[in-house]
PDB file of N, CA and C in Angstrom:
ATOM      1  N   UNK A   1     -30.405 -33.773  36.493  1.00  0.00           N
ATOM      2  CA  UNK A   1     -29.546 -32.606  36.845  1.00  0.00           C
ATOM      3  C   UNK A   1     -28.315 -33.639  36.149  1.00  0.00           C
ATOM      4  N   UNK A   2     -27.672 -32.749  35.144  1.00  0.00           N
ATOM      5  CA  UNK A   2     -27.016 -33.662  34.657  1.00  0.00           C
ATOM      6  C   UNK A   2     -25.204 -33.476  35.090  1.00  0.00           C
ATOM      7  N   UNK A   3     -24.418 -34.297  35.099  1.00  0.00           N
ATOM      8  CA  UNK A   3     -23.402 -34.007  35.914  1.00  0.00           C
ATOM      9  C   UNK A   3     -22.237 -33.721  34.985  1.00  0.00           C
ATOM     10  N   UNK A   4     -21.302 -32.807  34.810  1.00  0.00           N
ATOM     11  CA  UNK A   4     -20.151 -31.982  33.954  1.00  0.00           C
ATOM     12  C   UNK A   4     -19.232 -33.625  33.878  1.00  0.00           C
ATOM     13  N   UNK A   5     -18.937 -33.866  35.184  1.00  0.00           N
ATOM     14  CA  UNK A   5     -17.662 -34.807  35.245  1.00  0.00           C
ATOM     15  C   UNK A   5     -18.237 -35.803  36.218  1.00  0.00           C
ATOM     16  N   UNK A   6     -17.907 -37.383  35.924  1.00  0.00           N
ATOM     17  CA  UNK A   6     -17.974 -38.523  35.975  1.00  0.00           C
ATOM     18  C   UNK A   6     -16.919 -39.271  37.348  1.00  0.00           C
ATOM     19  N   UNK A   7     -17.395 -40.012  38.087  1.00  0.00           N
ATOM     20  CA  UNK A   7     -16.456 -40.705  38.889  1.00  0.00           C
ATOM     21  C   UNK A   7     -15.155 -41.022  38.014  1.00  0.00           C
ATOM     22  N   UNK A   8     -13.849 -41.033  38.580  1.00  0.00           N
ATOM     23  CA  UNK A   8     -12.587 -41.440  37.927  1.00  0.00           C
ATOM     24  C   UNK A   8     -11.923 -40.627  37.273  1.00  0.00           C
ATOM     25  N   UNK A   9     -12.856 -39.210  36.778  1.00  0.00           N
ATOM     26  CA  UNK A   9     -12.386 -38.411  36.204  1.00  0.00           C
ATOM     27  C   UNK A   9     -11.292 -37.738  37.113  1.00  0.00           C
ATOM     28  N   UNK A  10      -9.994 -37.173  36.068  1.00  0.00           N
ATOM     29  CA  UNK A  10      -9.100 -36.318  36.676  1.00  0.00           C
ATOM     30  C   UNK A  10      -9.129 -34.766  36.384  1.00  0.00           C
ATOM     31  N   UNK A  11      -9.383 -34.063  37.261  1.00  0.00           N
ATOM     32  CA  UNK A  11      -9.684 -32.509  37.019  1.00  0.00           C
ATOM     33  C   UNK A  11      -8.641 -31.654  38.012  1.00  0.00           C
ATOM     34  N   UNK A  12      -8.910 -30.714  37.484  1.00  0.00           N
ATOM     35  CA  UNK A  12      -8.272 -29.703  38.536  1.00  0.00           C
ATOM     36  C   UNK A  12      -8.907 -28.760  39.489  1.00  0.00           C
ATOM     37  N   UNK A  13      -8.463 -28.119  40.519  1.00  0.00           N
ATOM     38  CA  UNK A  13      -8.907 -27.286  41.206  1.00  0.00           C
ATOM     39  C   UNK A  13      -7.587 -26.119  41.472  1.00  0.00           C
ATOM     40  N   UNK A  14      -8.481 -25.012  41.903  1.00  0.00           N
ATOM     41  CA  UNK A  14      -6.903 -23.953  42.504  1.00  0.00           C
ATOM     42  C   UNK A  14      -7.085 -24.224  43.639  1.00  0.00           C
ATOM     43  N   UNK A  15      -5.801 -24.619  44.603  1.00  0.00           N
ATOM     44  CA  UNK A  15      -5.659 -24.412  45.782  1.00  0.00           C
ATOM     45  C   UNK A  15      -4.881 -23.352  46.538  1.00  0.00           C
ATOM     46  N   UNK A  16      -5.446 -22.726  47.264  1.00  0.00           N
ATOM     47  CA  UNK A  16      -5.064 -21.680  48.110  1.00  0.00           C
ATOM     48  C   UNK A  16      -5.263 -20.493  47.270  1.00  0.00           C
ATOM     49  N   UNK A  17      -5.616 -20.241  45.989  1.00  0.00           N
ATOM     50  CA  UNK A  17      -5.646 -19.096  45.146  1.00  0.00           C
ATOM     51  C   UNK A  17      -4.279 -19.141  44.677  1.00  0.00           C
ATOM     52  N   UNK A  18      -3.540 -20.020  44.807  1.00  0.00           N
ATOM     53  CA  UNK A  18      -2.111 -19.967  44.024  1.00  0.00           C
ATOM     54  C   UNK A  18      -1.926 -20.648  43.010  1.00  0.00           C
ATOM     55  N   UNK A  19      -2.396 -21.806  42.847  1.00  0.00           N
ATOM     56  CA  UNK A  19      -1.775 -22.746  41.723  1.00  0.00           C
ATOM     57  C   UNK A  19      -3.058 -23.832  41.579  1.00  0.00           C
ATOM     58  N   UNK A  20      -2.959 -24.542  40.346  1.00  0.00           N
ATOM     59  CA  UNK A  20      -3.637 -25.516  40.103  1.00  0.00           C
ATOM     60  C   UNK A  20      -3.305 -26.964  40.425  1.00  0.00           C
ATOM     61  N   UNK A  21      -4.105 -27.762  41.066  1.00  0.00           N
ATOM     62  CA  UNK A  21      -3.980 -28.895  41.723  1.00  0.00           C
ATOM     63  C   UNK A  21      -4.815 -29.938  40.648  1.00  0.00           C
ATOM     64  N   UNK A  22      -3.953 -30.986  40.388  1.00  0.00           N
ATOM     65  CA  UNK A  22      -4.860 -31.967  40.119  1.00  0.00           C
ATOM     66  C   UNK A  22      -5.496 -33.069  41.039  1.00  0.00           C
ATOM     67  N   UNK A  23      -6.854 -33.305  40.849  1.00  0.00           N
ATOM     68  CA  UNK A  23      -7.295 -34.435  42.038  1.00  0.00           C
ATOM     69  C   UNK A  23      -8.398 -35.392  41.017  1.00  0.00           C
ATOM     70  N   UNK A  24      -8.873 -36.539  41.862  1.00  0.00           N
ATOM     71  CA  UNK A  24      -9.523 -37.405  41.016  1.00  0.00           C
ATOM     72  C   UNK A  24     -11.117 -37.209  42.053  1.00  0.00           C
ATOM     73  N   UNK A  25     -12.145 -37.638  41.110  1.00  0.00           N
ATOM     74  CA  UNK A  25     -13.445 -37.563  41.642  1.00  0.00           C
ATOM     75  C   UNK A  25     -13.473 -38.625  41.898  1.00  0.00           C
ATOM     76  N   UNK A  26     -13.961 -38.951  43.146  1.00  0.00           N
ATOM     77  CA  UNK A  26     -14.240 -40.435  43.642  1.00  0.00           C
ATOM     78  C   UNK A  26     -15.837 -40.288  43.938  1.00  0.00           C
ATOM     79  N   UNK A  27     -16.550 -39.690  43.837  1.00  0.00           N
ATOM     80  CA  UNK A  27     -18.118 -39.378  44.433  1.00  0.00           C
ATOM     81  C   UNK A  27     -18.880 -38.309  44.038  1.00  0.00           C
ATOM     82  N   UNK A  28     -20.075 -38.447  43.528  1.00  0.00           N
ATOM     83  CA  UNK A  28     -20.910 -37.525  43.284  1.00  0.00           C
ATOM     84  C   UNK A  28     -22.524 -37.351  44.116  1.00  0.00           C
ATOM     85  N   UNK A  29     -22.547 -36.288  44.900  1.00  0.00           N
ATOM     86  CA  UNK A  29     -23.941 -36.523  45.538  1.00  0.00           C
ATOM     87  C   UNK A  29     -24.340 -35.150  45.786  1.00  0.00           C
ATOM     88  N   UNK A  30     -25.757 -34.857  45.466  1.00  0.00           N
ATOM     89  CA  UNK A  30     -26.651 -33.757  45.677  1.00  0.00           C
ATOM     90  C   UNK A  30     -25.743 -32.260  45.263  1.00  0.00           C
ATOM     91  N   UNK A  31     -25.091 -32.230  43.981  1.00  0.00           N
ATOM     92  CA  UNK A  31     -24.391 -31.225  43.404  1.00  0.00           C
ATOM     93  C   UNK A  31     -22.850 -30.902  43.959  1.00  0.00           C
ATOM     94  N   UNK A  32     -22.419 -31.865  44.622  1.00  0.00           N
ATOM     95  CA  UNK A  32     -21.105 -31.963  45.267  1.00  0.00           C
ATOM     96  C   UNK A  32     -20.269 -33.168  44.676  1.00  0.00           C
ATOM     97  N   UNK A  33     -19.089 -32.709  44.388  1.00  0.00           N
ATOM     98  CA  UNK A  33     -18.258 -33.859  44.036  1.00  0.00           C
ATOM     99  C   UNK A  33     -17.038 -34.235  45.098  1.00  0.00           C
ATOM    100  N   UNK A  34     -17.011 -35.362  45.659  1.00  0.00           N
ATOM    101  CA  UNK A  34     -15.987 -35.828  46.607  1.00  0.00           C
ATOM    102  C   UNK A  34     -14.604 -35.955  45.569  1.00  0.00           C
ATOM    103  N   UNK A  35     -13.570 -35.520  45.896  1.00  0.00           N
ATOM    104  CA  UNK A  35     -12.164 -35.294  45.488  1.00  0.00           C
ATOM    105  C   UNK A  35     -11.059 -35.918  45.970  1.00  0.00           C
ATOM    106  N   UNK A  36     -10.363 -36.608  45.546  1.00  0.00           N
ATOM    107  CA  UNK A  36      -9.251 -37.063  46.617  1.00  0.00           C
ATOM    108  C   UNK A  36      -7.922 -36.400  45.686  1.00  0.00           C
ATOM    109  N   UNK A  37      -6.836 -36.282  46.562  1.00  0.00           N
ATOM    110  CA  UNK A  37      -5.441 -35.429  46.031  1.00  0.00           C
ATOM    111  C   UNK A  37      -4.902 -36.403  45.514  1.00  0.00           C
ATOM    112  N   UNK A  38      -4.150 -36.192  44.155  1.00  0.00           N
ATOM    113  CA  UNK A  38      -3.372 -37.447  43.492  1.00  0.00           C
ATOM    114  C   UNK A  38      -1.791 -37.053  44.213  1.00  0.00           C
ATOM    115  N   UNK A  39      -1.538 -36.331  45.082  1.00  0.00           N
ATOM    116  CA  UNK A  39      -0.153 -36.158  45.448  1.00  0.00           C
ATOM    117  C   UNK A  39      -0.036 -36.806  47.147  1.00  0.00           C
ATOM    118  N   UNK A  40      -1.232 -36.896  47.611  1.00  0.00           N
ATOM    119  CA  UNK A  40      -1.144 -36.753  48.943  1.00  0.00           C
ATOM    120  C   UNK A  40      -2.396 -37.227  49.313  1.00  0.00           C
ATOM    121  N   UNK A  41      -2.823 -37.677  50.691  1.00  0.00           N
ATOM    122  CA  UNK A  41      -3.982 -38.405  51.352  1.00  0.00           C
ATOM    123  C   UNK A  41      -4.746 -37.219  51.871  1.00  0.00           C
ATOM    124  N   UNK A  42      -5.987 -37.486  51.730  1.00  0.00           N
ATOM    125  CA  UNK A  42      -6.960 -36.174  51.867  1.00  0.00           C
ATOM    126  C   UNK A  42      -7.905 -36.226  50.846  1.00  0.00           C
ATOM    127  N   UNK A  43      -9.323 -35.988  51.153  1.00  0.00           N
ATOM    128  CA  UNK A  43     -10.279 -35.437  50.198  1.00  0.00           C
ATOM    129  C   UNK A  43     -11.145 -34.285  50.794  1.00  0.00           C
ATOM    130  N   UNK A  44     -11.728 -33.927  49.587  1.00  0.00           N
ATOM    131  CA  UNK A  44     -12.781 -32.545  49.750  1.00  0.00           C
ATOM    132  C   UNK A  44     -14.156 -32.920  49.275  1.00  0.00           C
ATOM    133  N   UNK A  45     -14.957 -31.946  49.715  1.00  0.00           N
ATOM    134  CA  UNK A  45     -15.942 -32.135  48.613  1.00  0.00           C
ATOM    135  C   UNK A  45     -16.438 -30.783  48.424  1.00  0.00           C
ATOM    136  N   UNK A  46     -16.304 -30.597  47.020  1.00  0.00           N
ATOM    137  CA  UNK A  46     -16.403 -29.299  46.320  1.00  0.00           C
ATOM    138  C   UNK A  46     -17.558 -29.258  45.301  1.00  0.00           C
ATOM    139  N   UNK A  47     -18.271 -28.009  45.120  1.00  0.00           N
ATOM    140  CA  UNK A  47     -19.446 -27.780  44.001  1.00  0.00           C
ATOM    141  C   UNK A  47     -18.629 -27.964  42.654  1.00  0.00           C
ATOM    142  N   UNK A  48     -19.581 -28.221  41.840  1.00  0.00           N
ATOM    143  CA  UNK A  48     -18.959 -28.188  40.371  1.00  0.00           C
ATOM    144  C   UNK A  48     -18.294 -27.067  39.707  1.00  0.00           C
ATOM    145  N   UNK A  49     -18.498 -25.677  40.385  1.00  0.00           N
ATOM    146  CA  UNK A  49     -18.202 -24.508  39.671  1.00  0.00           C
ATOM    147  C   UNK A  49     -17.043 -24.626  40.166  1.00  0.00           C
ATOM    148  N   UNK A  50     -16.376 -25.287  40.985  1.00  0.00           N
ATOM    149  CA  UNK A  50     -14.744 -25.327  41.700  1.00  0.00           C
ATOM    150  C   UNK A  50     -14.042 -26.035  40.787  1.00  0.00           C
ATOM    151  N   UNK A  51     -14.479 -26.984  39.789  1.00  0.00           N
ATOM    152  CA  UNK A  51     -13.648 -27.844  39.364  1.00  0.00           C
ATOM    153  C   UNK A  51     -13.599 -27.525  37.709  1.00  0.00           C
ATOM    154  N   UNK A  52     -12.310 -27.734  37.306  1.00  0.00           N
ATOM    155  CA  UNK A  52     -12.071 -27.403  36.007  1.00  0.00           C
ATOM    156  C   UNK A  52     -11.209 -28.680  35.325  1.00  0.00           C
ATOM    157  N   UNK A  53     -11.781 -28.852  33.965  1.00  0.00           N
ATOM    158  CA  UNK A  53     -11.318 -29.754  33.028  1.00  0.00           C
ATOM    159  C   UNK A  53     -10.114 -29.771  32.821  1.00  0.00           C
ATOM    160  N   UNK A  54      -9.279 -28.727  32.399  1.00  0.00           N
ATOM    161  CA  UNK A  54      -7.905 -28.912  32.157  1.00  0.00           C
ATOM    162  C   UNK A  54      -7.292 -27.768  33.133  1.00  0.00           C
ATOM    163  N   UNK A  55      -5.910 -28.119  33.258  1.00  0.00           N
ATOM    164  CA  UNK A  55      -4.855 -27.238  33.992  1.00  0.00           C
ATOM    165  C   UNK A  55      -4.908 -25.691  33.453  1.00  0.00           C
ATOM    166  N   UNK A  56      -5.129 -25.505  32.230  1.00  0.00           N
ATOM    167  CA  UNK A  56      -4.793 -24.102  31.946  1.00  0.00           C
ATOM    168  C   UNK A  56      -6.248 -23.467  31.806  1.00  0.00           C
ATOM    169  N   UNK A  57      -7.342 -24.025  31.972  1.00  0.00           N
ATOM    170  CA  UNK A  57      -8.308 -23.701  32.374  1.00  0.00           C
ATOM    171  C   UNK A  57      -8.726 -22.800  33.881  1.00  0.00           C
ATOM    172  N   UNK A  58      -7.817 -23.983  34.769  1.00  0.00           N
ATOM    173  CA  UNK A  58      -7.803 -23.640  36.044  1.00  0.00           C
ATOM    174  C   UNK A  58      -6.817 -22.512  36.284  1.00  0.00           C
ATOM    175  N   UNK A  59      -5.996 -22.484  35.620  1.00  0.00           N
ATOM    176  CA  UNK A  59      -4.610 -21.248  35.805  1.00  0.00           C
ATOM    177  C   UNK A  59      -5.338 -19.785  35.259  1.00  0.00           C
ATOM    178  N   UNK A  60      -6.133 -19.984  33.954  1.00  0.00           N
ATOM    179  CA  UNK A  60      -6.733 -18.859  33.688  1.00  0.00           C
ATOM    180  C   UNK A  60      -7.516 -18.131  34.579  1.00  0.00           C
ATOM    181  N   UNK A  61      -8.357 -18.473  35.432  1.00  0.00           N
ATOM    182  CA  UNK A  61      -9.163 -18.514  36.228  1.00  0.00           C
ATOM    183  C   UNK A  61      -8.308 -17.705  37.613  1.00  0.00           C
ATOM    184  N   UNK A  62      -7.456 -18.526  37.782  1.00  0.00           N
ATOM    185  CA  UNK A  62      -6.314 -18.122  39.122  1.00  0.00           C
ATOM    186  C   UNK A  62      -6.035 -17.107  38.739  1.00  0.00           C
ATOM    187  N   UNK A  63      -5.551 -16.525  37.467  1.00  0.00           N
ATOM    188  CA  UNK A  63      -4.632 -15.194  37.191  1.00  0.00           C
ATOM    189  C   UNK A  63      -5.601 -14.524  36.731  1.00  0.00           C
ATOM    190  N   UNK A  64      -6.925 -14.610  36.478  1.00  0.00           N
ATOM    191  CA  UNK A  64      -7.952 -13.436  36.580  1.00  0.00           C
ATOM    192  C   UNK A  64      -8.441 -12.632  37.674  1.00  0.00           C
ATOM    193  N   UNK A  65      -8.498 -13.893  38.762  1.00  0.00           N
ATOM    194  CA  UNK A  65      -8.814 -13.501  39.941  1.00  0.00           C
ATOM    195  C   UNK A  65      -7.698 -12.740  40.955  1.00  0.00           C
ATOM    196  N   UNK A  66      -6.499 -13.166  40.860  1.00  0.00           N
ATOM    197  CA  UNK A  66      -5.392 -12.738  40.987  1.00  0.00           C
ATOM    198  C   UNK A  66      -5.106 -11.256  40.355  1.00  0.00           C
ATOM    199  N   UNK A  67      -5.411 -10.882  39.185  1.00  0.00           N
ATOM    200  CA  UNK A  67      -5.135  -9.500  38.540  1.00  0.00           C
ATOM    201  C   UNK A  67      -6.017  -8.442  39.584  1.00  0.00           C
ATOM    202  N   UNK A  68      -7.597  -9.118  39.605  1.00  0.00           N
ATOM    203  CA  UNK A  68      -8.661  -8.247  40.284  1.00  0.00           C
ATOM    204  C   UNK A  68      -8.285  -8.217  41.558  1.00  0.00           C
ATOM    205  N   UNK A  69      -7.911  -8.844  42.436  1.00  0.00           N
ATOM    206  CA  UNK A  69      -7.455  -8.762  44.022  1.00  0.00           C
ATOM    207  C   UNK A  69      -6.160  -7.695  43.835  1.00  0.00           C
ATOM    208  N   UNK A  70      -5.121  -7.877  42.837  1.00  0.00           N
ATOM    209  CA  UNK A  70      -3.957  -6.984  42.990  1.00  0.00           C
ATOM    210  C   UNK A  70      -4.852  -5.279  42.742  1.00  0.00           C
ATOM    211  N   UNK A  71      -5.549  -5.528  41.874  1.00  0.00           N
ATOM    212  CA  UNK A  71      -6.277  -3.972  41.334  1.00  0.00           C
ATOM    213  C   UNK A  71      -7.025  -3.336  42.660  1.00  0.00           C
ATOM    214  N   UNK A  72      -7.485  -4.276  43.296  1.00  0.00           N
ATOM    215  CA  UNK A  72      -8.255  -3.468  44.537  1.00  0.00           C
ATOM    216  C   UNK A  72      -7.648  -3.226  45.675  1.00  0.00           C
ATOM    217  N   UNK A  73      -6.237  -4.167  45.732  1.00  0.00           N
ATOM    218  CA  UNK A  73      -5.346  -3.761  46.888  1.00  0.00           C
ATOM    219  C   UNK A  73      -4.785  -2.446  46.832  1.00  0.00           C
ATOM    220  N   UNK A  74      -4.229  -2.367  45.374  1.00  0.00           N
ATOM    221  CA  UNK A  74      -3.438  -1.039  45.011  1.00  0.00           C
ATOM    222  C   UNK A  74      -4.286   0.069  45.065  1.00  0.00           C
ATOM    223  N   UNK A  75      -5.732   0.052  44.564  1.00  0.00           N
ATOM    224  CA  UNK A  75      -6.820   1.095  44.734  1.00  0.00           C
ATOM    225  C   UNK A  75      -6.621   1.728  46.465  1.00  0.00           C
ATOM    226  N   UNK A  76      -6.621   0.803  46.907  1.00  0.00           N
ATOM    227  CA  UNK A  76      -7.051   0.695  48.520  1.00  0.00           C
ATOM    228  C   UNK A  76      -5.685   1.245  49.271  1.00  0.00           C
ATOM    229  N   UNK A  77      -4.870   1.072  48.950  1.00  0.00           N
ATOM    230  CA  UNK A  77      -3.248   1.706  49.423  1.00  0.00           C
ATOM    231  C   UNK A  77      -2.979   3.136  49.152  1.00  0.00           C
ATOM    232  N   UNK A  78      -3.638   3.602  47.977  1.00  0.00           N
ATOM    233  CA  UNK A  78      -3.583   5.078  47.686  1.00  0.00           C
ATOM    234  C   UNK A  78      -4.074   6.224  48.695  1.00  0.00           C
ATOM    235  N   UNK A  79      -5.039   5.681  49.394  1.00  0.00           N
ATOM    236  CA  UNK A  79      -5.288   6.415  50.488  1.00  0.00           C
ATOM    237  C   UNK A  79      -4.809   6.352  51.640  1.00  0.00           C
ATOM    238  N   UNK A  80      -3.916   5.329  52.070  1.00  0.00           N
ATOM    239  CA  UNK A  80      -3.501   5.078  53.191  1.00  0.00           C
ATOM    240  C   UNK A  80      -2.224   5.711  53.727  1.00  0.00           C
ATOM    241  N   UNK A  81      -2.296   6.414  55.236  1.00  0.00           N
ATOM    242  CA  UNK A  81      -1.195   6.982  55.280  1.00  0.00           C
ATOM    243  C   UNK A  81      -1.064   6.694  57.058  1.00  0.00           C
ATOM    244  N   UNK A  82       0.106   6.364  57.475  1.00  0.00           N
ATOM    245  CA  UNK A  82       0.598   5.877  58.585  1.00  0.00           C
ATOM    246  C   UNK A  82       0.233   6.844  59.657  1.00  0.00           C
ATOM    247  N   UNK A  83      -0.380   6.449  60.696  1.00  0.00           N
ATOM    248  CA  UNK A  83      -0.523   7.358  61.830  1.00  0.00           C
ATOM    249  C   UNK A  83       1.172   7.677  62.415  1.00  0.00           C
ATOM    250  N   UNK A  84       2.082   7.230  62.276  1.00  0.00           N
ATOM    251  CA  UNK A  84       3.342   7.285  62.839  1.00  0.00           C
ATOM    252  C   UNK A  84       4.240   8.387  61.638  1.00  0.00           C
ATOM    253  N   UNK A  85       3.468   8.512  60.526  1.00  0.00           N
ATOM    254  CA  UNK A  85       4.202   9.574  59.916  1.00  0.00           C
ATOM    255  C   UNK A  85       3.890  10.961  59.944  1.00  0.00           C
ATOM    256  N   UNK A  86       4.698  11.597  60.769  1.00  0.00           N
ATOM    257  CA  UNK A  86       4.189  13.219  61.317  1.00  0.00           C
ATOM    258  C   UNK A  86       4.739  14.154  60.187  1.00  0.00           C
ATOM    259  N   UNK A  87       4.130  15.369  59.855  1.00  0.00           N
ATOM    260  CA  UNK A  87       4.798  16.228  59.132  1.00  0.00           C
ATOM    261  C   UNK A  87       4.909  17.187  59.879  1.00  0.00           C
ATOM    262  N   UNK A  88       6.060  17.969  59.763  1.00  0.00           N
ATOM    263  CA  UNK A  88       6.529  19.296  60.432  1.00  0.00           C
ATOM    264  C   UNK A  88       6.554  20.206  59.955  1.00  0.00           C
TER     265      UNK A  88
END
């Protein structure tokens, strides 16, 4: 299995579905990457599909996901009626 990234590479993740965050790869095992944050303490273990080579790539994934989510929310709210909105 060939890895797309190697130890020491600076890559980006989408954090909280809101913004791209730069991280550093510190380990690779079993298809997972151990990453450390560059701006604070802590680390995570993520699959390769959650890592992006550039900030622009991460932001494009984030913006397309956000657009799909907003469309779904708008469609769900069309049929919503409050139980407290009585018609006389």
